C-alpha atoms as a PDB file:
ATOM      1  CA  MET A   1     204.511  56.162 -67.142  1.00  0.00           C
ATOM      2  CA  ARG A   2     201.509  56.472 -64.769  1.00  0.00           C
ATOM      3  CA  PHE A   3     198.185  56.598 -65.741  1.00  0.00           C
ATOM      4  CA  PRO A   4     194.785  57.274 -64.541  1.00  0.00           C
ATOM      5  CA  ARG A   5     192.893  53.301 -64.208  1.00  0.00           C
ATOM      6  CA  THR A   6     189.357  53.262 -63.360  1.00  0.00           C
ATOM      7  CA  ILE A   7     188.224  51.935 -60.201  1.00  0.00           C
ATOM      8  CA  ARG A   8     185.323  50.518 -58.369  1.00  0.00           C
ATOM      9  CA  LEU A   9     184.701  50.522 -54.952  1.00  0.00           C
ATOM     10  CA  ASP A  10     181.128  50.081 -54.747  1.00  0.00           C
ATOM     11  CA  ALA A  11     178.586  49.666 -57.654  1.00  0.00           C
ATOM     12  CA  THR A  12     177.791  53.262 -57.009  1.00  0.00           C
ATOM     13  CA  ASP A  13     178.673  53.949 -60.531  1.00  0.00           C
ATOM     14  CA  GLU A  14     176.357  51.815 -62.126  1.00  0.00           C
ATOM     15  CA  ARG A  15     173.438  53.797 -60.293  1.00  0.00           C
ATOM     16  CA  VAL A  16     174.340  57.148 -61.275  1.00  0.00           C
ATOM     17  CA  PHE A  17     175.875  57.320 -64.799  1.00  0.00           C
ATOM     18  CA  GLU A  18     174.140  56.670 -67.834  1.00  0.00           C
ATOM     19  CA  ARG A  19     176.887  54.350 -68.524  1.00  0.00           C
ATOM     20  CA  ALA A  20     179.673  53.443 -65.925  1.00  0.00           C
ATOM     21  CA  ALA A  21     183.326  52.363 -67.147  1.00  0.00           C
ATOM     22  CA  GLY A  22     184.324  49.285 -66.342  1.00  0.00           C
ATOM     23  CA  PRO A  23     186.994  48.781 -63.532  1.00  0.00           C
ATOM     24  CA  ASP A  24     190.575  48.597 -64.313  1.00  0.00           C
ATOM     25  CA  GLU A  25     189.750  50.888 -68.030  1.00  0.00           C
ATOM     26  CA  TRP A  26     192.263  53.392 -68.709  1.00  0.00           C
ATOM     27  CA  ALA A  27     190.648  57.178 -68.298  1.00  0.00           C
ATOM     28  CA  VAL A  28     190.904  60.172 -69.332  1.00  0.00           C
ATOM     29  CA  SER A  29     189.276  63.289 -67.564  1.00  0.00           C
ATOM     30  CA  GLY A  30     186.923  63.230 -70.655  1.00  0.00           C
ATOM     31  CA  ALA A  31     186.152  67.176 -69.825  1.00  0.00           C
ATOM     32  CA  PHE A  32     185.419  67.416 -73.837  1.00  0.00           C
ATOM     33  CA  ALA A  33     182.617  65.443 -73.627  1.00  0.00           C
ATOM     34  CA  PHE A  34     180.822  68.290 -72.293  1.00  0.00           C
ATOM     35  CA  ALA A  35     182.436  71.176 -74.045  1.00  0.00           C
ATOM     36  CA  ALA A  36     179.108  72.036 -76.045  1.00  0.00           C
ATOM     37  CA  ALA A  37     177.061  71.401 -73.134  1.00  0.00           C
ATOM     38  CA  PRO A  38     175.061  74.423 -71.774  1.00  0.00           C
ATOM     39  CA  SER A  39     176.032  75.375 -68.229  1.00  0.00           C
ATOM     40  CA  GLU A  40     172.173  75.573 -67.314  1.00  0.00           C
ATOM     41  CA  GLY A  41     171.168  72.577 -69.149  1.00  0.00           C
ATOM     42  CA  LEU A  42     172.518  69.556 -67.335  1.00  0.00           C
ATOM     43  CA  ARG A  43     170.337  67.161 -65.635  1.00  0.00           C
ATOM     44  CA  GLY A  44     170.263  63.765 -64.115  1.00  0.00           C
ATOM     45  CA  LYS A  45     173.137  61.245 -65.152  1.00  0.00           C
ATOM     46  CA  ALA A  46     174.620  63.501 -67.469  1.00  0.00           C
ATOM     47  CA  ALA A  47     175.503  66.368 -64.689  1.00  0.00           C
ATOM     48  CA  GLN A  48     176.517  63.500 -62.459  1.00  0.00           C
ATOM     49  CA  ALA A  49     178.778  62.380 -65.553  1.00  0.00           C
ATOM     50  CA  PHE A  50     180.348  66.468 -66.111  1.00  0.00           C
ATOM     51  CA  ALA A  51     180.319  67.087 -62.272  1.00  0.00           C
ATOM     52  CA  ARG A  52     182.671  64.021 -61.164  1.00  0.00           C
ATOM     53  CA  GLY A  53     183.451  61.264 -63.762  1.00  0.00           C
ATOM     54  CA  PHE A  54     186.438  60.176 -65.467  1.00  0.00           C
ATOM     55  CA  LEU A  55     185.848  58.644 -68.984  1.00  0.00           C
ATOM     56  CA  GLY A  56     186.965  55.237 -69.595  1.00  0.00           C
ATOM     57  CA  THR A  57     188.510  54.428 -73.028  1.00  0.00           C
ATOM     58  CA  GLN A  58     187.244  51.304 -73.470  1.00  0.00           C
ATOM     59  CA  SER A  59     183.709  51.630 -73.090  1.00  0.00           C
ATOM     60  CA  PHE A  60     183.162  55.166 -72.642  1.00  0.00           C
ATOM     61  CA  GLY A  61     181.493  55.107 -69.688  1.00  0.00           C
ATOM     62  CA  TRP A  62     182.015  57.404 -66.564  1.00  0.00           C
ATOM     63  CA  SER A  63     184.110  56.320 -63.590  1.00  0.00           C
ATOM     64  CA  THR A  64     183.737  57.975 -59.790  1.00  0.00           C
ATOM     65  CA  LEU A  65     187.718  57.399 -59.161  1.00  0.00           C
ATOM     66  CA  VAL A  66     191.243  56.693 -60.929  1.00  0.00           C
ATOM     67  CA  ALA A  67     194.086  55.006 -59.324  1.00  0.00           C
ATOM     68  CA  VAL A  68     197.731  55.764 -60.555  1.00  0.00           C
ATOM     69  CA  ALA A  69     198.944  52.760 -62.310  1.00  0.00           C
ATOM     70  CA  GLU A  70     201.652  51.912 -64.755  1.00  0.00           C
ATOM     71  CA  ILE A  71     201.008  52.089 -68.319  1.00  0.00           C
ATOM     72  CA  SER A  72     202.872  50.332 -70.768  1.00  0.00           C
ATOM     73  CA  PRO A  73     204.015  52.188 -74.072  1.00  0.00           C
ATOM     74  CA  ALA A  74     201.903  49.782 -75.983  1.00  0.00           C
ATOM     75  CA  GLU A  75     198.819  50.156 -73.870  1.00  0.00           C
ATOM     76  CA  LEU A  76     199.022  54.133 -74.036  1.00  0.00           C
ATOM     77  CA  GLU A  77     199.153  53.666 -77.611  1.00  0.00           C
ATOM     78  CA  ALA A  78     195.879  51.783 -77.330  1.00  0.00           C
ATOM     79  CA  VAL A  79     194.485  54.428 -75.546  1.00  0.00           C
ATOM     80  CA  ILE A  80     195.482  57.108 -78.119  1.00  0.00           C
ATOM     81  CA  GLU A  81     194.187  55.367 -81.189  1.00  0.00           C
ATOM     82  CA  ALA A  82     190.806  54.292 -79.073  1.00  0.00           C
ATOM     83  CA  LEU A  83     190.446  58.067 -77.810  1.00  0.00           C
ATOM     84  CA  ALA A  84     191.167  59.053 -81.564  1.00  0.00           C
ATOM     85  CA  HIS A  85     188.276  56.986 -83.096  1.00  0.00           C
ATOM     86  CA  HIS A  86     186.095  57.838 -80.571  1.00  0.00           C
ATOM     87  CA  LEU A  87     186.637  61.300 -81.534  1.00  0.00           C
ATOM     88  CA  ALA A  88     186.131  61.089 -85.015  1.00  0.00           C
ATOM     89  CA  GLU A  89     183.159  58.681 -84.567  1.00  0.00           C
ATOM     90  CA  ARG A  90     181.332  60.474 -81.610  1.00  0.00           C
ATOM     91  CA  TYR A  91     182.315  63.918 -81.663  1.00  0.00           C
ATOM     92  CA  GLY A  92     182.710  64.816 -85.278  1.00  0.00           C
ATOM     93  CA  ALA A  93     186.384  65.617 -85.799  1.00  0.00           C
ATOM     94  CA  PRO A  94     187.500  66.688 -89.031  1.00  0.00           C
ATOM     95  CA  SER A  95     190.066  64.019 -89.720  1.00  0.00           C
ATOM     96  CA  LEU A  96     191.528  61.040 -87.717  1.00  0.00           C
ATOM     97  CA  ALA A  97     194.901  62.847 -87.933  1.00  0.00           C
ATOM     98  CA  ASP A  98     192.989  66.081 -86.233  1.00  0.00           C
ATOM     99  CA  ALA A  99     191.083  63.476 -83.806  1.00  0.00           C
ATOM    100  CA  ARG A 100     194.471  61.666 -83.075  1.00  0.00           C
ATOM    101  CA  ARG A 101     195.963  65.025 -82.134  1.00  0.00           C
ATOM    102  CA  ALA A 102     193.617  65.839 -79.566  1.00  0.00           C
ATOM    103  CA  ALA A 103     193.570  62.502 -78.301  1.00  0.00           C
ATOM    104  CA  GLU A 104     197.174  62.750 -77.758  1.00  0.00           C
ATOM    105  CA  ALA A 105     196.846  65.469 -76.034  1.00  0.00           C
ATOM    106  CA  GLU A 106     193.808  64.456 -73.987  1.00  0.00           C
ATOM    107  CA  ALA A 107     196.215  61.794 -72.781  1.00  0.00           C
ATOM    108  CA  ALA A 108     198.997  64.009 -71.883  1.00  0.00           C
ATOM    109  CA  PHE A 109     196.618  65.767 -69.559  1.00  0.00           C
ATOM    110  CA  ALA A 110     195.534  62.217 -67.895  1.00  0.00           C
ATOM    111  CA  GLY A 111     199.357  61.340 -67.895  1.00  0.00           C
ATOM    112  CA  SER A 112     199.881  64.701 -65.424  1.00  0.00           C
ATOM    113  CA  LEU A 113     197.586  64.053 -63.170  1.00  0.00           C
ATOM    114  CA  CYS A 114     199.632  60.844 -61.994  1.00  0.00           C
ATOM    115  CA  GLU A 115     202.929  62.378 -60.516  1.00  0.00           C
ATOM    116  CA  HIS A 116     201.668  60.514 -57.374  1.00  0.00           C
ATOM    117  CA  LYS A 117     202.110  57.064 -55.871  1.00  0.00           C
ATOM    118  CA  VAL A 118     200.965  53.667 -57.950  1.00  0.00           C
ATOM    119  CA  ASN A 119     197.413  53.111 -56.508  1.00  0.00           C
ATOM    120  CA  THR A 120     197.048  57.210 -55.283  1.00  0.00           C
ATOM    121  CA  LEU A 121     192.777  57.797 -55.818  1.00  0.00           C
ATOM    122  CA  ILE A 122     192.035  61.078 -58.106  1.00  0.00           C
ATOM    123  CA  ALA A 123     188.505  62.632 -57.913  1.00  0.00           C
ATOM    124  CA  VAL A 124     187.268  65.422 -60.030  1.00  0.00           C
ATOM    125  CA  VAL A 125     185.449  67.927 -59.064  1.00  0.00           C
ATOM    126  CA  ARG A 126     184.035  69.618 -62.313  1.00  0.00           C
ATOM    127  CA  SER A 127     181.818  73.111 -62.948  1.00  0.00           C
ATOM    128  CA  PHE A 128     181.632  75.390 -65.681  1.00  0.00           C
ATOM    129  CA  GLY A 129     183.419  78.627 -64.584  1.00  0.00           C
ATOM    130  CA  SER A 130     183.724  82.338 -66.938  1.00  0.00           C
ATOM    131  CA  GLU A 131     186.006  81.006 -69.347  1.00  0.00           C
ATOM    132  CA  GLY A 132     184.541  77.271 -69.614  1.00  0.00           C
ATOM    133  CA  ILE A 133     184.944  73.890 -67.560  1.00  0.00           C
ATOM    134  CA  VAL A 134     187.065  74.174 -64.507  1.00  0.00           C
ATOM    135  CA  GLU A 135     188.224  71.319 -62.674  1.00  0.00           C
ATOM    136  CA  ARG A 136     189.853  70.375 -59.384  1.00  0.00           C
ATOM    137  CA  PHE A 137     191.621  67.191 -58.602  1.00  0.00           C
ATOM    138  CA  ARG A 138     191.979  65.914 -54.840  1.00  0.00           C
ATOM    139  CA  THR A 139     194.119  62.978 -54.278  1.00  0.00           C
ATOM    140  CA  ILE A 140     194.052  60.132 -51.574  1.00  0.00           C
ATOM    141  CA  GLU A 141     197.123  58.460 -50.925  1.00  0.00           C
ATOM    142  CA  PRO A 142     197.781  54.935 -50.209  1.00  0.00           C
ATOM    143  CA  LEU A 143     198.593  54.077 -46.564  1.00  0.00           C
ATOM    144  CA  ARG A 144     201.826  52.923 -46.144  1.00  0.00           C
ATOM    145  CA  SER A 145     202.243  49.223 -45.563  1.00  0.00           C
ATOM    146  CA  GLY A 146     201.628  48.313 -41.613  1.00  0.00           C
ATOM    147  CA  ARG A 147     199.860  51.875 -40.598  1.00  0.00           C
ATOM    148  CA  HIS A 148     196.062  51.044 -41.060  1.00  0.00           C
ATOM    149  CA  THR A 149     194.078  49.675 -37.929  1.00  0.00           C
ATOM    150  CA  ARG A 150     191.907  46.948 -37.394  1.00  0.00           C
ATOM    151  CA  ILE A 151     188.467  48.369 -36.437  1.00  0.00           C
ATOM    152  CA  TRP A 152     186.084  44.790 -36.698  1.00  0.00           C
ATOM    153  CA  THR A 153     187.610  41.548 -35.455  1.00  0.00           C
ATOM    154  CA  LEU A 154     185.121  38.620 -35.935  1.00  0.00           C
ATOM    155  CA  VAL A 155     184.044  36.440 -33.127  1.00  0.00           C
ATOM    156  CA  PRO A 156     181.912  32.876 -33.793  1.00  0.00           C
ATOM    157  CA  ASP A 157     178.486  32.881 -32.557  1.00  0.00           C
ATOM    158  CA  GLY A 158     178.206  32.376 -29.034  1.00  0.00           C
ATOM    159  CA  GLU A 159     182.452  33.563 -27.828  1.00  0.00           C
ATOM    160  CA  GLY A 160     183.593  37.002 -26.817  1.00  0.00           C
ATOM    161  CA  GLY A 161     179.998  38.062 -25.741  1.00  0.00           C
ATOM    162  CA  GLY A 162     179.355  40.092 -29.153  1.00  0.00           C
ATOM    163  CA  PRO A 163     175.731  40.887 -30.752  1.00  0.00           C
ATOM    164  CA  PRO A 164     174.079  37.370 -31.570  1.00  0.00           C
ATOM    165  CA  GLY A 165     174.987  37.666 -35.534  1.00  0.00           C
ATOM    166  CA  GLY A 166     178.218  36.537 -34.322  1.00  0.00           C
ATOM    167  CA  TYR A 167     179.941  39.992 -34.704  1.00  0.00           C
ATOM    168  CA  GLY A 168     182.058  42.272 -32.611  1.00  0.00           C
ATOM    169  CA  ALA A 169     183.554  44.985 -32.761  1.00  0.00           C
END
């Protein structure tokens, strides 16, 4: 089975989210975290998490991007368990059984986003619509081997007529 896994291309998530997910955490959409939020009341880092974040299921921090990855049945079960406990403790689910059903549904939705090649990147854009939260997902598929182009060449200082810093284009 395939499932979203957080990915960090740089340190941006550390600056834009109140809590950033670590790299390589299994992730879900996390839109449920904003179900009770007023559409005009989100500001700053909370607004950024709402608009563009996936929820990591280990740290319960946010990630701008996820990558499609293979998940084992045992790993999926651990995701569901962690998410169920988070829903019960943080959001007051009536019972752990109810929280587990919600976690299973959230995990099934997250898995449905991964009908792409492994390592495909997924981004979300979230907004409030007339009937609640609207999510749109974009994908960036990995290049096939041999299709990338080299745009930089390192040149030792004093060779090749490059700039004084030693790097040439």
